[in-house]
């Protein structure tokens, strides 16, 4: 699989200075953690789940979470588990290309039970999402994951969700973060990424952000995100990939941009698509994605297919960013110094900007580098019309 792999090679060549690389479920954890992109959640109760998975893979989704937790009623769990077993068997029988697939469980015991029940189709599973992760709960989840991996002989990753009240409340936040850090460091090779449960954070205070506001506008939430990145997202080799929070708003139109793209011969495609984004309440999403990256987050939890392309289009490295990163990391510049950027609009300071440059090149590997005259709108339009 690869990002933008659903568009034709000729169109990709016209968009990218450096195309996104190919990867699969067996790739290194370093690559996969950066490549998660827009991770699309789906309730595990859906009767046509196997078909949904294949369809979304064809539309550019590279990671999905099949949820047994908050997205379904407590009374539905047993039936949802049985449905997952059937749907994985269906996927195996179809032998189709699938995204990286994760199951969001409720309790540690479900991990070993599900892996056993999946049988040979467990080879399609990349891991588990672990809810309300704290040191005590996390240890149990990760022990269960380790045992399931040993029993199945199949590599399984964990994606803990940081969403507990202990993490939100100021009086317990520091110790909770330290405990989480101890746990994920102990199981570092199994932890693919850390996810943020911002909806639970808001729930603790009866809050809900409006569609024109980002998670960072809710100060309680923004403070927690900053502290999580401070402790768990450092660029010194001790940090983890931390993904952006879910965006809750969408319109009930499966192919929401195409009518706008065909509507008027008098408007340029770029202007038309910007209008479509605003009309469909995605202006807030776009601002939040930009703020995610500015605050050290990569990828995003998504609950609607219409969010996937904007996340991926805004994850592509611009030609200017790539040029700066290459200049900073050029051999022989390890001693430091200040350089004028090739775009002559900023300074590149070799030592302070080195970690940024390394992360930028990692993102460039999996999401690609846009051509000099290609921006977000062109990338999004190409994905919509593919």
Protein backbone atom coordinates (compact mmCIF):
# COMPACT_ATOMS: atom_id res chain seq x y z
CA UNK A 1 0.00 0.00 0.00
CA UNK A 2 0.99 3.63 -0.30
CA UNK A 3 -0.59 7.01 0.33
CA UNK A 4 -2.34 8.33 -2.79
CA UNK A 5 -1.99 4.85 -4.25
CA UNK A 6 -5.64 5.01 -5.35
CA UNK A 7 -4.87 7.67 -7.98
CA UNK A 8 -3.25 6.86 -11.30
CA UNK A 9 0.55 6.75 -11.66
CA UNK A 10 0.41 9.54 -14.25
CA UNK A 11 -1.49 11.87 -11.90
CA UNK A 12 0.82 11.00 -9.01
CA UNK A 13 3.83 11.87 -11.16
CA UNK A 14 2.29 15.26 -11.97
CA UNK A 15 1.68 16.02 -8.27
CA UNK A 16 4.80 14.74 -6.54
CA UNK A 17 8.41 15.81 -6.65
CA UNK A 18 9.05 12.66 -4.60
CA UNK A 19 6.26 10.09 -4.53
CA UNK A 20 5.11 8.36 -1.31
CA UNK A 21 6.89 5.06 -0.69
CA UNK A 22 5.24 1.67 -0.63
CA UNK A 23 4.83 -0.19 2.67
CA UNK A 24 2.87 -3.10 4.09
CA UNK A 25 1.88 -4.62 7.42
CA UNK A 26 5.34 -6.17 7.70
CA UNK A 27 7.22 -2.88 7.39
CA UNK A 28 9.23 -1.47 10.27
CA UNK A 29 7.39 0.03 13.23
CA UNK A 30 9.17 3.33 12.53
CA UNK A 31 7.67 3.51 9.06
CA UNK A 32 4.21 2.30 10.07
CA UNK A 33 3.90 4.75 12.95
CA UNK A 34 4.54 7.64 10.56
CA UNK A 35 2.33 6.17 7.81
CA UNK A 36 -0.89 5.67 9.82
CA UNK A 37 -2.36 8.88 8.45
CA UNK A 38 -6.12 9.24 8.86
CA UNK A 39 -7.09 6.21 10.95
CA UNK A 40 -10.73 5.52 10.14
CA UNK A 41 -12.89 4.09 12.94
CA UNK A 42 -15.84 1.80 12.25
CA UNK A 43 -18.21 0.05 14.69
CA UNK A 44 -17.55 -3.69 14.77
CA UNK A 45 -21.30 -4.32 14.49
CA UNK A 46 -21.56 -3.41 10.79
CA UNK A 47 -22.89 -6.46 8.89
CA UNK A 48 -21.00 -5.60 5.70
CA UNK A 49 -17.76 -4.71 7.45
CA UNK A 50 -15.51 -6.77 5.15
CA UNK A 51 -16.86 -4.97 2.10
CA UNK A 52 -16.49 -1.61 3.85
CA UNK A 53 -12.84 -2.33 4.61
CA UNK A 54 -12.07 -3.25 1.00
CA UNK A 55 -13.97 -0.22 -0.29
CA UNK A 56 -12.12 2.21 1.98
CA UNK A 57 -8.77 0.69 1.02
CA UNK A 58 -9.69 1.47 -2.59
CA UNK A 59 -10.36 5.08 -1.60
CA UNK A 60 -6.95 5.64 -0.02
CA UNK A 61 -7.45 4.57 3.60
CA UNK A 62 -4.32 2.85 4.97
CA UNK A 63 -5.35 2.26 8.60
CA UNK A 64 -8.66 1.35 10.22
CA UNK A 65 -9.89 0.59 13.74
CA UNK A 66 -12.80 -1.82 14.18
CA UNK A 67 -14.35 -0.73 17.44
CA UNK A 68 -15.79 -2.85 20.25
CA UNK A 69 -15.77 -0.01 22.75
CA UNK A 70 -17.52 3.37 22.88
CA UNK A 71 -19.00 3.20 19.36
CA UNK A 72 -21.30 0.30 20.27
CA UNK A 73 -23.80 -0.37 23.05
CA UNK A 74 -22.71 -2.50 26.01
CA UNK A 75 -25.33 -5.08 25.08
CA UNK A 76 -23.88 -5.47 21.57
CA UNK A 77 -20.36 -6.60 22.52
CA UNK A 78 -20.88 -10.37 22.24
CA UNK A 79 -22.57 -10.09 18.85
CA UNK A 80 -19.95 -7.60 17.67
CA UNK A 81 -17.13 -9.99 18.55
CA UNK A 82 -18.82 -12.79 16.60
CA UNK A 83 -19.32 -10.42 13.69
CA UNK A 84 -15.63 -9.54 13.69
CA UNK A 85 -14.69 -13.22 13.48
CA UNK A 86 -17.03 -13.67 10.49
CA UNK A 87 -15.84 -10.52 8.75
CA UNK A 88 -12.14 -11.39 9.10
CA UNK A 89 -12.87 -14.84 7.66
CA UNK A 90 -14.64 -13.11 4.76
CA UNK A 91 -11.67 -10.82 4.18
CA UNK A 92 -9.31 -13.79 4.20
CA UNK A 93 -11.49 -15.64 1.70
CA UNK A 94 -11.60 -12.65 -0.65
CA UNK A 95 -7.81 -12.32 -0.55
CA UNK A 96 -8.13 -8.58 -1.22
CA UNK A 97 -5.77 -5.78 -0.25
CA UNK A 98 -6.70 -4.39 3.16
CA UNK A 99 -5.45 -1.47 5.25
CA UNK A 100 -3.63 -1.88 8.54
CA UNK A 101 -6.41 -3.26 10.73
CA UNK A 102 -6.71 -2.77 14.50
CA UNK A 103 -9.40 -3.85 16.94
CA UNK A 104 -10.38 -1.55 19.78
CA UNK A 105 -11.18 -3.74 22.78
CA UNK A 106 -12.65 -2.99 26.18
CA UNK A 107 -10.78 -5.39 28.44
CA UNK A 108 -7.41 -7.22 28.26
CA UNK A 109 -9.08 -10.65 28.18
CA UNK A 110 -10.62 -9.88 24.80
CA UNK A 111 -7.20 -9.75 23.12
CA UNK A 112 -6.21 -13.40 23.54
CA UNK A 113 -9.79 -14.57 23.06
CA UNK A 114 -10.20 -12.73 19.75
CA UNK A 115 -6.83 -13.74 18.35
CA UNK A 116 -7.66 -17.38 19.11
CA UNK A 117 -11.13 -17.12 17.55
CA UNK A 118 -9.82 -15.38 14.44
CA UNK A 119 -7.59 -18.35 13.68
CA UNK A 120 -5.67 -18.03 10.42
CA UNK A 121 -7.39 -14.74 9.56
CA UNK A 122 -5.49 -13.11 12.46
CA UNK A 123 -2.69 -12.61 9.93
CA UNK A 124 -4.78 -9.66 8.63
CA UNK A 125 -4.70 -8.01 12.05
CA UNK A 126 -2.01 -5.43 12.83
CA UNK A 127 -2.87 -4.96 16.49
CA UNK A 128 -5.18 -3.57 19.14
CA UNK A 129 -6.28 -0.15 20.35
CA UNK A 130 -6.19 -0.01 24.17
CA UNK A 131 -8.73 2.39 25.74
CA UNK A 132 -8.44 4.53 28.88
CA UNK A 133 -4.77 3.67 29.15
CA UNK A 134 -3.05 4.21 32.50
CA UNK A 135 -0.07 2.48 34.09
CA UNK A 136 -2.16 -0.15 35.89
CA UNK A 137 -4.61 -0.86 33.06
CA UNK A 138 -1.91 -0.56 30.43
CA UNK A 139 0.30 -3.20 31.98
CA UNK A 140 -2.55 -5.73 31.83
CA UNK A 141 -3.39 -4.86 28.22
CA UNK A 142 0.22 -5.10 27.08
CA UNK A 143 0.83 -8.39 28.90
CA UNK A 144 -2.22 -9.82 27.13
CA UNK A 145 -0.98 -8.51 23.79
CA UNK A 146 2.46 -10.06 24.34
CA UNK A 147 0.91 -13.43 25.19
CA UNK A 148 -1.40 -13.31 22.16
CA UNK A 149 1.50 -12.53 19.88
CA UNK A 150 3.51 -15.44 21.28
CA UNK A 151 0.58 -17.84 20.90
CA UNK A 152 -0.24 -16.79 17.36
CA UNK A 153 3.29 -16.26 16.07
CA UNK A 154 2.02 -13.07 14.42
CA UNK A 155 3.38 -9.58 15.17
CA UNK A 156 0.82 -7.41 16.97
CA UNK A 157 1.11 -3.72 17.78
CA UNK A 158 -0.58 -1.67 20.49
CA UNK A 159 -2.06 1.80 20.17
CA UNK A 160 -2.92 3.04 23.66
CA UNK A 161 -5.60 5.74 23.95
CA UNK A 162 -4.83 8.47 26.46
CA UNK A 163 -8.25 9.56 27.70
CA UNK A 164 -8.60 8.79 31.42
CA UNK A 165 -9.83 11.37 33.96
CA UNK A 166 -6.58 10.91 35.90
CA UNK A 167 -4.71 12.30 32.90
CA UNK A 168 -7.10 15.23 32.53
CA UNK A 169 -7.27 16.34 36.17
CA UNK A 170 -4.44 18.66 37.15
CA UNK A 171 -3.76 17.08 40.56
CA UNK A 172 -3.13 13.62 39.07
CA UNK A 173 -1.80 14.46 35.62
CA UNK A 174 1.93 14.47 36.30
CA UNK A 175 2.04 11.12 38.06
CA UNK A 176 -0.36 9.58 35.53
CA UNK A 177 1.88 10.72 32.69
CA UNK A 178 4.97 9.36 34.42
CA UNK A 179 3.23 6.02 34.90
CA UNK A 180 2.15 5.86 31.28
CA UNK A 181 5.69 6.72 30.22
CA UNK A 182 7.13 3.89 32.34
CA UNK A 183 4.68 1.39 30.84
CA UNK A 184 5.03 2.29 27.16
CA UNK A 185 8.81 2.49 27.49
CA UNK A 186 8.88 -1.03 28.94
CA UNK A 187 6.92 -2.30 25.91
CA UNK A 188 8.41 0.14 23.42
CA UNK A 189 8.77 -2.37 20.57
CA UNK A 190 5.01 -3.12 20.72
CA UNK A 191 3.68 0.46 20.93
CA UNK A 192 3.08 1.79 17.42
CA UNK A 193 1.52 5.13 18.37
CA UNK A 194 -0.33 6.89 21.18
CA UNK A 195 -3.82 8.20 20.48
CA UNK A 196 -5.63 11.06 22.24
CA UNK A 197 -9.22 10.64 23.46
CA UNK A 198 -10.29 14.27 23.39
CA UNK A 199 -14.02 13.47 23.41
CA UNK A 200 -13.60 11.84 26.84
CA UNK A 201 -11.62 14.85 28.05
CA UNK A 202 -14.43 17.19 27.03
CA UNK A 203 -17.05 14.88 28.55
CA UNK A 204 -15.49 15.19 32.01
CA UNK A 205 -16.42 18.89 32.00
CA UNK A 206 -19.61 18.74 29.94
CA UNK A 207 -17.92 20.42 26.98
CA UNK A 208 -18.21 19.99 23.22
CA UNK A 209 -16.37 22.10 20.68
CA UNK A 210 -18.35 23.71 17.86
CA UNK A 211 -17.50 22.97 14.19
CA UNK A 212 -15.68 26.30 13.85
CA UNK A 213 -13.44 25.56 16.85
CA UNK A 214 -10.44 23.25 17.22
CA UNK A 215 -9.45 21.07 20.16
CA UNK A 216 -6.77 23.64 20.93
CA UNK A 217 -9.42 26.33 21.46
CA UNK A 218 -10.72 24.32 24.43
CA UNK A 219 -8.05 25.36 26.90
CA UNK A 220 -8.38 22.37 29.24
CA UNK A 221 -7.88 20.02 26.30
CA UNK A 222 -5.07 22.06 24.75
CA UNK A 223 -3.20 21.97 28.06
CA UNK A 224 -3.42 18.17 28.26
CA UNK A 225 -2.22 17.76 24.66
CA UNK A 226 0.75 19.99 25.42
CA UNK A 227 1.68 17.97 28.51
CA UNK A 228 1.33 14.64 26.67
CA UNK A 229 3.67 15.83 23.93
CA UNK A 230 6.04 17.25 26.55
CA UNK A 231 6.46 13.88 28.27
CA UNK A 232 5.78 11.33 25.52
CA UNK A 233 6.54 13.07 22.23
CA UNK A 234 10.13 14.21 22.63
CA UNK A 235 12.47 14.19 19.64
CA UNK A 236 15.45 12.83 21.58
CA UNK A 237 14.75 9.18 20.80
CA UNK A 238 12.56 8.58 23.86
CA UNK A 239 9.32 9.82 22.29
CA UNK A 240 6.47 8.12 20.45
CA UNK A 241 4.26 9.06 17.53
CA UNK A 242 1.21 10.83 18.97
CA UNK A 243 -1.83 11.10 16.72
CA UNK A 244 -4.31 13.96 16.48
CA UNK A 245 -7.76 13.92 18.11
CA UNK A 246 -10.99 12.98 16.38
CA UNK A 247 -13.02 15.54 14.40
CA UNK A 248 -16.71 14.96 15.18
CA UNK A 249 -18.50 16.78 12.37
CA UNK A 250 -19.43 15.60 8.88
CA UNK A 251 -22.16 15.84 6.26
CA UNK A 252 -24.14 12.79 5.19
CA UNK A 253 -22.89 12.81 1.61
CA UNK A 254 -20.60 9.97 0.60
CA UNK A 255 -18.90 11.82 -2.25
CA UNK A 256 -19.32 15.27 -0.83
CA UNK A 257 -16.95 17.30 -3.01
CA UNK A 258 -17.78 16.03 -6.49
CA UNK A 259 -20.96 18.11 -7.03
CA UNK A 260 -19.04 21.30 -6.25
CA UNK A 261 -16.20 20.32 -8.56
CA UNK A 262 -18.62 19.97 -11.47
CA UNK A 263 -20.98 22.78 -10.62
CA UNK A 264 -19.63 25.91 -12.25
CA UNK A 265 -17.54 26.40 -15.41
CA UNK A 266 -16.80 29.97 -14.32
CA UNK A 267 -14.91 29.11 -11.15
CA UNK A 268 -11.42 27.65 -11.02
CA UNK A 269 -11.13 24.25 -9.42
CA UNK A 270 -9.10 25.58 -6.49
CA UNK A 271 -11.63 28.28 -5.61
CA UNK A 272 -14.51 25.84 -6.05
CA UNK A 273 -12.95 23.28 -3.75
CA UNK A 274 -12.22 25.87 -1.07
CA UNK A 275 -15.90 26.86 -1.22
CA UNK A 276 -16.91 23.22 -0.88
CA UNK A 277 -14.71 22.79 2.19
CA UNK A 278 -16.28 25.77 3.94
CA UNK A 279 -19.82 24.74 2.97
CA UNK A 280 -19.27 21.29 4.43
CA UNK A 281 -18.00 22.48 7.84
CA UNK A 282 -14.44 21.30 7.20
CA UNK A 283 -12.73 24.64 7.70
CA UNK A 284 -12.34 23.81 11.39
CA UNK A 285 -10.94 20.37 10.54
CA UNK A 286 -8.29 21.89 8.28
CA UNK A 287 -7.21 24.34 10.97
CA UNK A 288 -7.07 21.55 13.54
CA UNK A 289 -4.89 19.36 11.28
CA UNK A 290 -2.44 22.25 10.88
CA UNK A 291 -2.41 22.80 14.64
CA UNK A 292 -1.88 19.06 15.21
CA UNK A 293 1.33 19.17 13.21
CA UNK A 294 2.45 22.46 14.77
CA UNK A 295 2.08 20.82 18.20
CA UNK A 296 4.02 17.66 17.34
CA UNK A 297 1.19 15.29 16.38
CA UNK A 298 1.11 13.13 13.24
CA UNK A 299 -1.94 11.39 11.79
CA UNK A 300 -5.49 11.70 13.08
CA UNK A 301 -8.41 9.69 14.38
CA UNK A 302 -11.31 9.90 11.89
CA UNK A 303 -14.93 8.80 12.16
CA UNK A 304 -16.03 9.63 8.60
CA UNK A 305 -14.48 8.83 5.20
CA UNK A 306 -14.75 12.47 4.11
CA UNK A 307 -12.02 13.37 6.63
CA UNK A 308 -9.41 11.03 5.19
CA UNK A 309 -8.31 12.98 2.11
CA UNK A 310 -7.92 16.32 3.92
CA UNK A 311 -5.71 14.65 6.56
CA UNK A 312 -3.54 12.99 3.90
CA UNK A 313 -3.34 16.05 1.65
CA UNK A 314 -2.17 18.22 4.56
CA UNK A 315 0.39 15.56 5.55
CA UNK A 316 2.26 15.78 2.25
CA UNK A 317 5.55 17.64 2.65
CA UNK A 318 5.78 20.83 0.62
CA UNK A 319 8.68 21.34 -1.75
CA UNK A 320 9.84 24.23 0.45
CA UNK A 321 9.84 22.13 3.63
CA UNK A 322 11.74 19.36 1.85
CA UNK A 323 14.33 21.80 0.52
CA UNK A 324 14.91 23.25 4.00
CA UNK A 325 15.15 19.81 5.62
CA UNK A 326 17.69 18.61 3.06
CA UNK A 327 19.82 21.70 3.49
CA UNK A 328 19.85 21.30 7.28
CA UNK A 329 20.81 17.61 7.12
CA UNK A 330 23.33 17.89 4.31
CA UNK A 331 26.54 15.95 5.12
CA UNK A 332 29.28 18.09 6.59
CA UNK A 333 26.94 20.45 8.44
CA UNK A 334 26.91 18.61 11.75
CA UNK A 335 28.92 21.38 13.31
CA UNK A 336 26.05 23.81 13.12
CA UNK A 337 25.75 27.25 11.60
CA UNK A 338 23.00 29.32 10.01
CA UNK A 339 21.94 29.07 6.36
CA UNK A 340 19.67 31.15 4.22
CA UNK A 341 16.91 28.92 2.85
CA UNK A 342 16.86 28.11 -0.85
CA UNK A 343 13.51 29.95 -0.96
CA UNK A 344 15.33 33.02 0.54
CA UNK A 345 12.52 33.66 3.02
CA UNK A 346 13.89 32.29 6.29
CA UNK A 347 16.98 31.17 8.18
CA UNK A 348 17.75 27.50 8.71
CA UNK A 349 19.77 26.98 11.86
CA UNK A 350 21.45 23.59 11.60
CA UNK A 351 21.52 22.45 15.24
CA UNK A 352 18.14 23.73 16.54
CA UNK A 353 16.27 22.71 13.38
CA UNK A 354 17.85 19.28 13.02
CA UNK A 355 15.13 17.30 14.81
CA UNK A 356 12.45 19.10 12.78
CA UNK A 357 14.32 18.24 9.57
CA UNK A 358 14.60 14.57 10.50
CA UNK A 359 10.89 14.35 11.23
CA UNK A 360 10.08 16.17 8.00
CA UNK A 361 12.09 13.70 5.92
CA UNK A 362 10.38 10.80 7.71
CA UNK A 363 7.00 12.29 6.77
CA UNK A 364 8.26 12.89 3.22
CA UNK A 365 9.10 9.20 2.90
CA UNK A 366 5.55 8.01 3.59
CA UNK A 367 3.42 10.95 2.35
CA UNK A 368 5.67 12.21 -0.43
CA UNK A 369 6.90 15.66 -1.44
CA UNK A 370 4.69 17.90 -3.56
CA UNK A 371 6.01 19.58 -6.68
CA UNK A 372 6.89 23.23 -6.29
CA UNK A 373 3.61 24.47 -7.80
CA UNK A 374 1.35 21.89 -6.11
CA UNK A 375 -0.51 22.63 -2.89
CA UNK A 376 -3.21 21.19 -0.67
CA UNK A 377 -6.10 21.97 -3.03
CA UNK A 378 -4.49 20.19 -6.00
CA UNK A 379 -3.73 17.13 -3.85
CA UNK A 380 -7.25 17.02 -2.46
CA UNK A 381 -8.86 17.49 -5.86
CA UNK A 382 -6.81 14.66 -7.36
CA UNK A 383 -7.88 12.35 -4.55
CA UNK A 384 -11.56 13.30 -4.86
CA UNK A 385 -11.72 12.77 -8.60
CA UNK A 386 -9.73 9.49 -8.59
